[in-house]
């Protein structure tokens, strides 16, 4: 599906209750790039063009959260933040967001236009972002956790690398490689045992763990299945005790086995 088609579909889906949902979109990333590559473009003219296109595709008069998809080393973050500020002042955008940004970048952007939310990968399998939480707490910035189910590994449907479509990044993800894969699979099985005692699925357990990290943390699990949407929403009803959290910590004390990305695309935070 093209971005234009996806935007139109999203706009149609929520048009009857637009004011009851938060519409978020991103700028600054070339979605046609190689899946293992990172093609960024946060020039002011590009940001403005993406904003206008998104408004048109979504059929709305404003974007609730406008994220920079990835930090652009060629464009000062102050310039990026200033452009988003202009869009906010024009009423096209309500809140500014960053994705995969480090502490210094967050502070510099926040000084120009308050950053409302940071979006970065966070799950039982991925904990590196926790080092940024003190900065977010200090500045009053919310956090949106993407890939909260470990890129699908925590759903219990993971297959070894090489068994996915050739464009699927999981074929190259270190956590799917021999050695790490088996260890992560065992961890998920142990999580399933705990989930069974709670009367929930392992996916709900993983999402409940994120919700227990703080009210300012919002996980965004992705799915194409209405059944999975219902399952994920049920995580809000799962209550984890201190004993439950201790068991989870014992199973995955620092995250999953294997690094987050292959070395050549490992992001750097500044």
C-alpha atoms as a PDB file:
ATOM      1  CA  UNK A   1       0.000   0.000   0.000  1.00  0.00           C
ATOM      2  CA  UNK A   2       1.304   3.445  -0.924  1.00  0.00           C
ATOM      3  CA  UNK A   3       1.619   6.139   1.746  1.00  0.00           C
ATOM      4  CA  UNK A   4      -1.148   8.094   0.014  1.00  0.00           C
ATOM      5  CA  UNK A   5      -3.476   5.088   0.129  1.00  0.00           C
ATOM      6  CA  UNK A   6      -2.631   4.388   3.774  1.00  0.00           C
ATOM      7  CA  UNK A   7      -3.263   8.009   4.694  1.00  0.00           C
ATOM      8  CA  UNK A   8      -6.586   8.101   2.880  1.00  0.00           C
ATOM      9  CA  UNK A   9      -7.661   4.845   4.507  1.00  0.00           C
ATOM     10  CA  UNK A  10      -6.740   6.132   7.971  1.00  0.00           C
ATOM     11  CA  UNK A  11      -8.558   9.401   7.373  1.00  0.00           C
ATOM     12  CA  UNK A  12     -11.710   7.612   6.225  1.00  0.00           C
ATOM     13  CA  UNK A  13     -11.567   5.217   9.163  1.00  0.00           C
ATOM     14  CA  UNK A  14     -11.659   7.944  11.792  1.00  0.00           C
ATOM     15  CA  UNK A  15     -13.590  10.714  10.060  1.00  0.00           C
ATOM     16  CA  UNK A  16     -16.737  10.111  12.113  1.00  0.00           C
ATOM     17  CA  UNK A  17     -14.890  10.366  15.433  1.00  0.00           C
ATOM     18  CA  UNK A  18     -11.839  12.418  14.515  1.00  0.00           C
ATOM     19  CA  UNK A  19     -11.887  14.419  17.745  1.00  0.00           C
ATOM     20  CA  UNK A  20     -11.772  11.242  19.838  1.00  0.00           C
ATOM     21  CA  UNK A  21      -8.467   9.946  18.477  1.00  0.00           C
ATOM     22  CA  UNK A  22      -4.879  11.103  18.279  1.00  0.00           C
ATOM     23  CA  UNK A  23      -3.548  11.161  14.725  1.00  0.00           C
ATOM     24  CA  UNK A  24       0.220  10.980  14.508  1.00  0.00           C
ATOM     25  CA  UNK A  25       2.481  10.923  11.489  1.00  0.00           C
ATOM     26  CA  UNK A  26       6.162  11.420  10.719  1.00  0.00           C
ATOM     27  CA  UNK A  27       8.473  13.346   8.468  1.00  0.00           C
ATOM     28  CA  UNK A  28      12.117  13.047   7.557  1.00  0.00           C
ATOM     29  CA  UNK A  29      12.424   9.455   6.361  1.00  0.00           C
ATOM     30  CA  UNK A  30      12.466   8.004   2.867  1.00  0.00           C
ATOM     31  CA  UNK A  31      10.196   4.964   3.066  1.00  0.00           C
ATOM     32  CA  UNK A  32      11.344   3.780  -0.368  1.00  0.00           C
ATOM     33  CA  UNK A  33      14.880   3.185   0.900  1.00  0.00           C
ATOM     34  CA  UNK A  34      16.433  -0.231   1.423  1.00  0.00           C
ATOM     35  CA  UNK A  35      14.915  -1.799   4.582  1.00  0.00           C
ATOM     36  CA  UNK A  36      18.370  -1.950   6.158  1.00  0.00           C
ATOM     37  CA  UNK A  37      19.305   1.556   5.094  1.00  0.00           C
ATOM     38  CA  UNK A  38      18.500   4.899   6.664  1.00  0.00           C
ATOM     39  CA  UNK A  39      17.626   7.710   4.247  1.00  0.00           C
ATOM     40  CA  UNK A  40      16.792  10.902   6.116  1.00  0.00           C
ATOM     41  CA  UNK A  41      15.646  14.310   4.920  1.00  0.00           C
ATOM     42  CA  UNK A  42      14.516  16.906   7.450  1.00  0.00           C
ATOM     43  CA  UNK A  43      15.051  20.027   5.391  1.00  0.00           C
ATOM     44  CA  UNK A  44      12.437  22.655   6.268  1.00  0.00           C
ATOM     45  CA  UNK A  45      10.894  22.521   2.798  1.00  0.00           C
ATOM     46  CA  UNK A  46      10.511  18.757   3.097  1.00  0.00           C
ATOM     47  CA  UNK A  47       8.901  19.038   6.532  1.00  0.00           C
ATOM     48  CA  UNK A  48       6.367  21.562   5.248  1.00  0.00           C
ATOM     49  CA  UNK A  49       5.596  19.432   2.189  1.00  0.00           C
ATOM     50  CA  UNK A  50       5.080  16.292   4.280  1.00  0.00           C
ATOM     51  CA  UNK A  51       2.771  18.183   6.649  1.00  0.00           C
ATOM     52  CA  UNK A  52       0.601  19.494   3.814  1.00  0.00           C
ATOM     53  CA  UNK A  53       0.513  16.109   2.103  1.00  0.00           C
ATOM     54  CA  UNK A  54      -0.449  14.374   5.352  1.00  0.00           C
ATOM     55  CA  UNK A  55      -3.270  16.813   6.004  1.00  0.00           C
ATOM     56  CA  UNK A  56      -4.588  16.197   2.503  1.00  0.00           C
ATOM     57  CA  UNK A  57      -4.227  12.401   2.624  1.00  0.00           C
ATOM     58  CA  UNK A  58      -5.801  12.169   6.094  1.00  0.00           C
ATOM     59  CA  UNK A  59      -8.608  14.558   5.243  1.00  0.00           C
ATOM     60  CA  UNK A  60      -8.092  16.575   8.414  1.00  0.00           C
ATOM     61  CA  UNK A  61      -7.213  20.147   9.286  1.00  0.00           C
ATOM     62  CA  UNK A  62      -4.516  19.286  11.827  1.00  0.00           C
ATOM     63  CA  UNK A  63      -2.013  16.620  12.821  1.00  0.00           C
ATOM     64  CA  UNK A  64      -2.024  15.851  16.527  1.00  0.00           C
ATOM     65  CA  UNK A  65       1.576  14.618  16.830  1.00  0.00           C
ATOM     66  CA  UNK A  66       4.200  15.305  14.161  1.00  0.00           C
ATOM     67  CA  UNK A  67       7.326  13.219  14.676  1.00  0.00           C
ATOM     68  CA  UNK A  68      10.760  13.531  13.167  1.00  0.00           C
ATOM     69  CA  UNK A  69      11.276   9.918  12.105  1.00  0.00           C
ATOM     70  CA  UNK A  70      15.048   9.944  12.546  1.00  0.00           C
ATOM     71  CA  UNK A  71      17.538  12.668  13.416  1.00  0.00           C
ATOM     72  CA  UNK A  72      19.047  14.193  10.269  1.00  0.00           C
ATOM     73  CA  UNK A  73      22.778  14.853  10.755  1.00  0.00           C
ATOM     74  CA  UNK A  74      22.706  17.333   7.861  1.00  0.00           C
ATOM     75  CA  UNK A  75      20.055  19.615   9.359  1.00  0.00           C
ATOM     76  CA  UNK A  76      20.512  21.269  12.781  1.00  0.00           C
ATOM     77  CA  UNK A  77      17.825  20.081  15.167  1.00  0.00           C
ATOM     78  CA  UNK A  78      17.114  23.723  16.051  1.00  0.00           C
ATOM     79  CA  UNK A  79      16.131  24.308  12.429  1.00  0.00           C
ATOM     80  CA  UNK A  80      13.901  21.252  12.453  1.00  0.00           C
ATOM     81  CA  UNK A  81      12.239  22.283  15.718  1.00  0.00           C
ATOM     82  CA  UNK A  82      11.766  25.810  14.420  1.00  0.00           C
ATOM     83  CA  UNK A  83       9.973  24.548  11.324  1.00  0.00           C
ATOM     84  CA  UNK A  84       7.645  22.387  13.397  1.00  0.00           C
ATOM     85  CA  UNK A  85       7.028  25.391  15.641  1.00  0.00           C
ATOM     86  CA  UNK A  86       5.892  27.354  12.590  1.00  0.00           C
ATOM     87  CA  UNK A  87       3.456  24.560  11.721  1.00  0.00           C
ATOM     88  CA  UNK A  88       2.121  24.551  15.278  1.00  0.00           C
ATOM     89  CA  UNK A  89       1.645  28.310  15.195  1.00  0.00           C
ATOM     90  CA  UNK A  90      -0.177  27.931  11.865  1.00  0.00           C
ATOM     91  CA  UNK A  91      -2.565  25.409  13.435  1.00  0.00           C
ATOM     92  CA  UNK A  92      -1.488  22.550  11.186  1.00  0.00           C
ATOM     93  CA  UNK A  93       0.195  20.611  14.015  1.00  0.00           C
ATOM     94  CA  UNK A  94      -0.627  20.388  17.734  1.00  0.00           C
ATOM     95  CA  UNK A  95       2.395  18.667  19.266  1.00  0.00           C
ATOM     96  CA  UNK A  96       6.023  18.080  18.360  1.00  0.00           C
ATOM     97  CA  UNK A  97       7.568  14.624  18.606  1.00  0.00           C
ATOM     98  CA  UNK A  98      10.965  13.035  18.104  1.00  0.00           C
ATOM     99  CA  UNK A  99      11.922   9.454  17.348  1.00  0.00           C
ATOM    100  CA  UNK A 100      15.184   7.698  18.189  1.00  0.00           C
ATOM    101  CA  UNK A 101      16.759  10.912  19.484  1.00  0.00           C
ATOM    102  CA  UNK A 102      19.387  11.168  22.202  1.00  0.00           C
ATOM    103  CA  UNK A 103      19.573  13.436  25.271  1.00  0.00           C
ATOM    104  CA  UNK A 104      21.450  16.360  23.732  1.00  0.00           C
ATOM    105  CA  UNK A 105      19.248  16.400  20.629  1.00  0.00           C
ATOM    106  CA  UNK A 106      16.137  16.298  22.797  1.00  0.00           C
ATOM    107  CA  UNK A 107      17.354  19.212  24.914  1.00  0.00           C
ATOM    108  CA  UNK A 108      18.324  21.335  21.909  1.00  0.00           C
ATOM    109  CA  UNK A 109      14.977  20.735  20.183  1.00  0.00           C
ATOM    110  CA  UNK A 110      13.042  21.330  23.401  1.00  0.00           C
ATOM    111  CA  UNK A 111      14.702  24.718  23.836  1.00  0.00           C
ATOM    112  CA  UNK A 112      13.209  25.884  20.511  1.00  0.00           C
ATOM    113  CA  UNK A 113       9.852  24.101  20.583  1.00  0.00           C
ATOM    114  CA  UNK A 114       8.760  21.974  23.553  1.00  0.00           C
ATOM    115  CA  UNK A 115       8.913  18.307  22.649  1.00  0.00           C
ATOM    116  CA  UNK A 116       5.743  16.553  23.790  1.00  0.00           C
ATOM    117  CA  UNK A 117       6.728  12.956  23.138  1.00  0.00           C
ATOM    118  CA  UNK A 118       9.661  10.737  22.233  1.00  0.00           C
ATOM    119  CA  UNK A 119       9.038   7.547  20.284  1.00  0.00           C
ATOM    120  CA  UNK A 120      11.654   4.796  20.452  1.00  0.00           C
ATOM    121  CA  UNK A 121      11.711   1.004  20.516  1.00  0.00           C
ATOM    122  CA  UNK A 122      11.017  -0.322  24.007  1.00  0.00           C
ATOM    123  CA  UNK A 123       9.929  -3.745  25.171  1.00  0.00           C
ATOM    124  CA  UNK A 124      10.909  -6.617  27.409  1.00  0.00           C
ATOM    125  CA  UNK A 125      13.461  -7.377  24.690  1.00  0.00           C
ATOM    126  CA  UNK A 126      14.781  -3.821  24.260  1.00  0.00           C
ATOM    127  CA  UNK A 127      15.739  -1.695  27.273  1.00  0.00           C
ATOM    128  CA  UNK A 128      18.474   0.673  26.054  1.00  0.00           C
ATOM    129  CA  UNK A 129      16.106   3.645  25.943  1.00  0.00           C
ATOM    130  CA  UNK A 130      15.693   3.532  29.725  1.00  0.00           C
ATOM    131  CA  UNK A 131      18.875   5.586  29.979  1.00  0.00           C
ATOM    132  CA  UNK A 132      16.897   8.517  28.508  1.00  0.00           C
ATOM    133  CA  UNK A 133      14.065   8.384  31.009  1.00  0.00           C
ATOM    134  CA  UNK A 134      15.664  10.822  33.503  1.00  0.00           C
ATOM    135  CA  UNK A 135      15.861  13.474  30.758  1.00  0.00           C
ATOM    136  CA  UNK A 136      12.259  12.855  29.726  1.00  0.00           C
ATOM    137  CA  UNK A 137      11.122  13.088  33.343  1.00  0.00           C
ATOM    138  CA  UNK A 138      13.068  16.311  33.834  1.00  0.00           C
ATOM    139  CA  UNK A 139      11.562  17.964  30.760  1.00  0.00           C
ATOM    140  CA  UNK A 140       8.070  16.516  31.145  1.00  0.00           C
ATOM    141  CA  UNK A 141       8.172  14.581  27.871  1.00  0.00           C
ATOM    142  CA  UNK A 142       5.940  11.562  27.304  1.00  0.00           C
ATOM    143  CA  UNK A 143       7.163   8.332  25.771  1.00  0.00           C
ATOM    144  CA  UNK A 144       5.680   6.122  23.050  1.00  0.00           C
ATOM    145  CA  UNK A 145       7.090   2.608  22.829  1.00  0.00           C
ATOM    146  CA  UNK A 146       7.150   1.121  19.360  1.00  0.00           C
ATOM    147  CA  UNK A 147       7.715  -2.593  18.705  1.00  0.00           C
ATOM    148  CA  UNK A 148       6.473  -3.291  22.263  1.00  0.00           C
ATOM    149  CA  UNK A 149       6.198  -6.989  21.433  1.00  0.00           C
ATOM    150  CA  UNK A 150       9.839  -7.384  20.450  1.00  0.00           C
ATOM    151  CA  UNK A 151       9.142  -7.091  16.701  1.00  0.00           C
ATOM    152  CA  UNK A 152       6.724  -9.975  17.054  1.00  0.00           C
ATOM    153  CA  UNK A 153       9.006 -12.331  18.955  1.00  0.00           C
ATOM    154  CA  UNK A 154       6.994 -12.007  22.166  1.00  0.00           C
ATOM    155  CA  UNK A 155       3.776 -13.032  20.393  1.00  0.00           C
ATOM    156  CA  UNK A 156       5.096 -16.597  20.264  1.00  0.00           C
ATOM    157  CA  UNK A 157       5.009 -16.734  16.469  1.00  0.00           C
ATOM    158  CA  UNK A 158       8.718 -16.167  15.825  1.00  0.00           C
ATOM    159  CA  UNK A 159      10.475 -18.222  13.164  1.00  0.00           C
ATOM    160  CA  UNK A 160      14.251 -18.540  12.753  1.00  0.00           C
ATOM    161  CA  UNK A 161      16.056 -16.079  10.488  1.00  0.00           C
ATOM    162  CA  UNK A 162      15.806 -17.078   6.862  1.00  0.00           C
ATOM    163  CA  UNK A 163      12.185 -18.196   7.079  1.00  0.00           C
ATOM    164  CA  UNK A 164      10.715 -14.742   6.413  1.00  0.00           C
ATOM    165  CA  UNK A 165      10.195 -12.840   3.185  1.00  0.00           C
ATOM    166  CA  UNK A 166      13.590 -11.778   1.855  1.00  0.00           C
ATOM    167  CA  UNK A 167      12.855  -8.093   2.583  1.00  0.00           C
ATOM    168  CA  UNK A 168      11.959  -8.778   6.232  1.00  0.00           C
ATOM    169  CA  UNK A 169      14.561  -7.263   8.580  1.00  0.00           C
ATOM    170  CA  UNK A 170      14.096 -10.163  10.973  1.00  0.00           C
ATOM    171  CA  UNK A 171      16.206 -12.250   8.635  1.00  0.00           C
ATOM    172  CA  UNK A 172      19.121 -10.067   9.725  1.00  0.00           C
ATOM    173  CA  UNK A 173      18.060  -9.188  13.266  1.00  0.00           C
ATOM    174  CA  UNK A 174      20.675 -10.555  15.705  1.00  0.00           C
ATOM    175  CA  UNK A 175      17.913 -11.840  17.999  1.00  0.00           C
ATOM    176  CA  UNK A 176      16.705 -14.206  15.303  1.00  0.00           C
ATOM    177  CA  UNK A 177      20.140 -15.683  14.628  1.00  0.00           C
ATOM    178  CA  UNK A 178      21.212 -19.176  15.808  1.00  0.00           C
ATOM    179  CA  UNK A 179      22.194 -19.142  19.458  1.00  0.00           C
ATOM    180  CA  UNK A 180      20.257 -15.991  20.339  1.00  0.00           C
ATOM    181  CA  UNK A 181      17.051 -17.303  18.787  1.00  0.00           C
ATOM    182  CA  UNK A 182      16.899 -20.350  21.026  1.00  0.00           C
ATOM    183  CA  UNK A 183      17.596 -18.324  24.177  1.00  0.00           C
ATOM    184  CA  UNK A 184      14.903 -15.803  23.309  1.00  0.00           C
ATOM    185  CA  UNK A 185      12.462 -18.582  22.499  1.00  0.00           C
ATOM    186  CA  UNK A 186      13.079 -20.102  25.923  1.00  0.00           C
ATOM    187  CA  UNK A 187      12.502 -16.722  27.589  1.00  0.00           C
ATOM    188  CA  UNK A 188       9.155 -16.348  25.821  1.00  0.00           C
ATOM    189  CA  UNK A 189       8.135 -19.832  26.965  1.00  0.00           C
ATOM    190  CA  UNK A 190       8.907 -18.848  30.562  1.00  0.00           C
ATOM    191  CA  UNK A 191       6.886 -15.667  30.120  1.00  0.00           C
ATOM    192  CA  UNK A 192       4.009 -17.791  28.824  1.00  0.00           C
ATOM    193  CA  UNK A 193       4.071 -19.799  32.027  1.00  0.00           C
ATOM    194  CA  UNK A 194       3.725 -16.612  34.070  1.00  0.00           C
ATOM    195  CA  UNK A 195       1.010 -15.277  31.749  1.00  0.00           C
ATOM    196  CA  UNK A 196      -0.973 -18.481  32.278  1.00  0.00           C
ATOM    197  CA  UNK A 197      -1.068 -17.817  36.025  1.00  0.00           C
ATOM    198  CA  UNK A 198      -2.458 -14.344  35.294  1.00  0.00           C
ATOM    199  CA  UNK A 199      -5.095 -15.617  32.881  1.00  0.00           C
ATOM    200  CA  UNK A 200      -3.645 -13.605  30.012  1.00  0.00           C
ATOM    201  CA  UNK A 201      -1.576 -14.116  26.876  1.00  0.00           C
ATOM    202  CA  UNK A 202       2.152 -13.501  26.753  1.00  0.00           C
ATOM    203  CA  UNK A 203       1.519 -10.471  24.521  1.00  0.00           C
ATOM    204  CA  UNK A 204      -0.814  -8.991  27.115  1.00  0.00           C
ATOM    205  CA  UNK A 205       1.770  -9.684  29.808  1.00  0.00           C
ATOM    206  CA  UNK A 206       4.443  -7.825  27.832  1.00  0.00           C
ATOM    207  CA  UNK A 207       2.156  -4.841  27.232  1.00  0.00           C
ATOM    208  CA  UNK A 208       1.056  -4.808  30.870  1.00  0.00           C
ATOM    209  CA  UNK A 209       4.722  -4.680  31.864  1.00  0.00           C
ATOM    210  CA  UNK A 210       5.154  -1.535  29.770  1.00  0.00           C
ATOM    211  CA  UNK A 211       2.024   0.065  31.188  1.00  0.00           C
ATOM    212  CA  UNK A 212       3.346  -0.634  34.672  1.00  0.00           C
ATOM    213  CA  UNK A 213       6.477   1.403  33.909  1.00  0.00           C
ATOM    214  CA  UNK A 214       4.580   4.681  34.247  1.00  0.00           C
ATOM    215  CA  UNK A 215       1.511   6.592  33.133  1.00  0.00           C
ATOM    216  CA  UNK A 216       3.605   8.610  30.699  1.00  0.00           C
ATOM    217  CA  UNK A 217       4.503   5.473  28.696  1.00  0.00           C
ATOM    218  CA  UNK A 218       2.184   4.402  25.865  1.00  0.00           C
ATOM    219  CA  UNK A 219       2.915   1.246  23.854  1.00  0.00           C
ATOM    220  CA  UNK A 220       1.801   1.085  20.213  1.00  0.00           C
ATOM    221  CA  UNK A 221       1.592  -2.554  19.116  1.00  0.00           C
ATOM    222  CA  UNK A 222       0.989  -2.968  15.405  1.00  0.00           C
ATOM    223  CA  UNK A 223      -1.307  -5.545  13.881  1.00  0.00           C
ATOM    224  CA  UNK A 224      -3.518  -6.190  10.865  1.00  0.00           C
ATOM    225  CA  UNK A 225      -5.860  -8.464  12.823  1.00  0.00           C
ATOM    226  CA  UNK A 226      -9.011  -7.262  14.644  1.00  0.00           C
ATOM    227  CA  UNK A 227      -8.571 -10.198  17.027  1.00  0.00           C
ATOM    228  CA  UNK A 228      -5.064  -9.087  17.948  1.00  0.00           C
ATOM    229  CA  UNK A 229      -6.288  -5.507  18.471  1.00  0.00           C
ATOM    230  CA  UNK A 230      -8.846  -6.817  20.960  1.00  0.00           C
ATOM    231  CA  UNK A 231      -6.195  -8.983  22.621  1.00  0.00           C
ATOM    232  CA  UNK A 232      -3.753  -6.091  22.919  1.00  0.00           C
ATOM    233  CA  UNK A 233      -6.392  -3.797  24.391  1.00  0.00           C
ATOM    234  CA  UNK A 234      -7.026  -6.418  27.066  1.00  0.00           C
ATOM    235  CA  UNK A 235      -3.553  -5.743  28.459  1.00  0.00           C
ATOM    236  CA  UNK A 236      -4.975  -2.679  30.192  1.00  0.00           C
ATOM    237  CA  UNK A 237      -6.919  -5.034  32.480  1.00  0.00           C
ATOM    238  CA  UNK A 238      -3.871  -7.079  33.492  1.00  0.00           C
ATOM    239  CA  UNK A 239      -2.478  -6.101  36.888  1.00  0.00           C
ATOM    240  CA  UNK A 240       1.097  -7.093  37.723  1.00  0.00           C
ATOM    241  CA  UNK A 241       2.227  -7.454  41.320  1.00  0.00           C
ATOM    242  CA  UNK A 242       5.723  -6.750  42.567  1.00  0.00           C
ATOM    243  CA  UNK A 243       6.249 -10.526  42.615  1.00  0.00           C
ATOM    244  CA  UNK A 244       5.183 -10.762  38.959  1.00  0.00           C
ATOM    245  CA  UNK A 245       7.575  -7.973  37.996  1.00  0.00           C
ATOM    246  CA  UNK A 246      10.369  -9.728  39.858  1.00  0.00           C
ATOM    247  CA  UNK A 247       9.759 -12.939  37.903  1.00  0.00           C
ATOM    248  CA  UNK A 248       9.837 -11.023  34.623  1.00  0.00           C
ATOM    249  CA  UNK A 249      13.046  -9.309  35.677  1.00  0.00           C
ATOM    250  CA  UNK A 250      14.594 -12.695  36.427  1.00  0.00           C
ATOM    251  CA  UNK A 251      13.625 -14.038  32.999  1.00  0.00           C
ATOM    252  CA  UNK A 252      14.899 -11.012  31.051  1.00  0.00           C
ATOM    253  CA  UNK A 253      17.063  -8.892  33.378  1.00  0.00           C
ATOM    254  CA  UNK A 254      18.504  -6.632  30.667  1.00  0.00           C
ATOM    255  CA  UNK A 255      16.422  -7.428  27.593  1.00  0.00           C
ATOM    256  CA  UNK A 256      16.545 -10.026  24.856  1.00  0.00           C
ATOM    257  CA  UNK A 257      19.566 -11.986  23.717  1.00  0.00           C
ATOM    258  CA  UNK A 258      21.348 -10.340  20.815  1.00  0.00           C
ATOM    259  CA  UNK A 259      21.824  -6.686  19.922  1.00  0.00           C
ATOM    260  CA  UNK A 260      19.040  -4.503  18.612  1.00  0.00           C
ATOM    261  CA  UNK A 261      20.319  -4.069  15.056  1.00  0.00           C
ATOM    262  CA  UNK A 262      23.026  -5.396  12.816  1.00  0.00           C
ATOM    263  CA  UNK A 263      26.123  -3.270  13.304  1.00  0.00           C
ATOM    264  CA  UNK A 264      25.921  -1.256  10.076  1.00  0.00           C
ATOM    265  CA  UNK A 265      22.520   0.233  10.917  1.00  0.00           C
ATOM    266  CA  UNK A 266      22.932   0.634  14.673  1.00  0.00           C
ATOM    267  CA  UNK A 267      21.582   4.099  15.552  1.00  0.00           C
ATOM    268  CA  UNK A 268      23.639   6.472  17.635  1.00  0.00           C
ATOM    269  CA  UNK A 269      22.071   8.716  20.241  1.00  0.00           C
ATOM    270  CA  UNK A 270      23.374  12.207  20.958  1.00  0.00           C
END
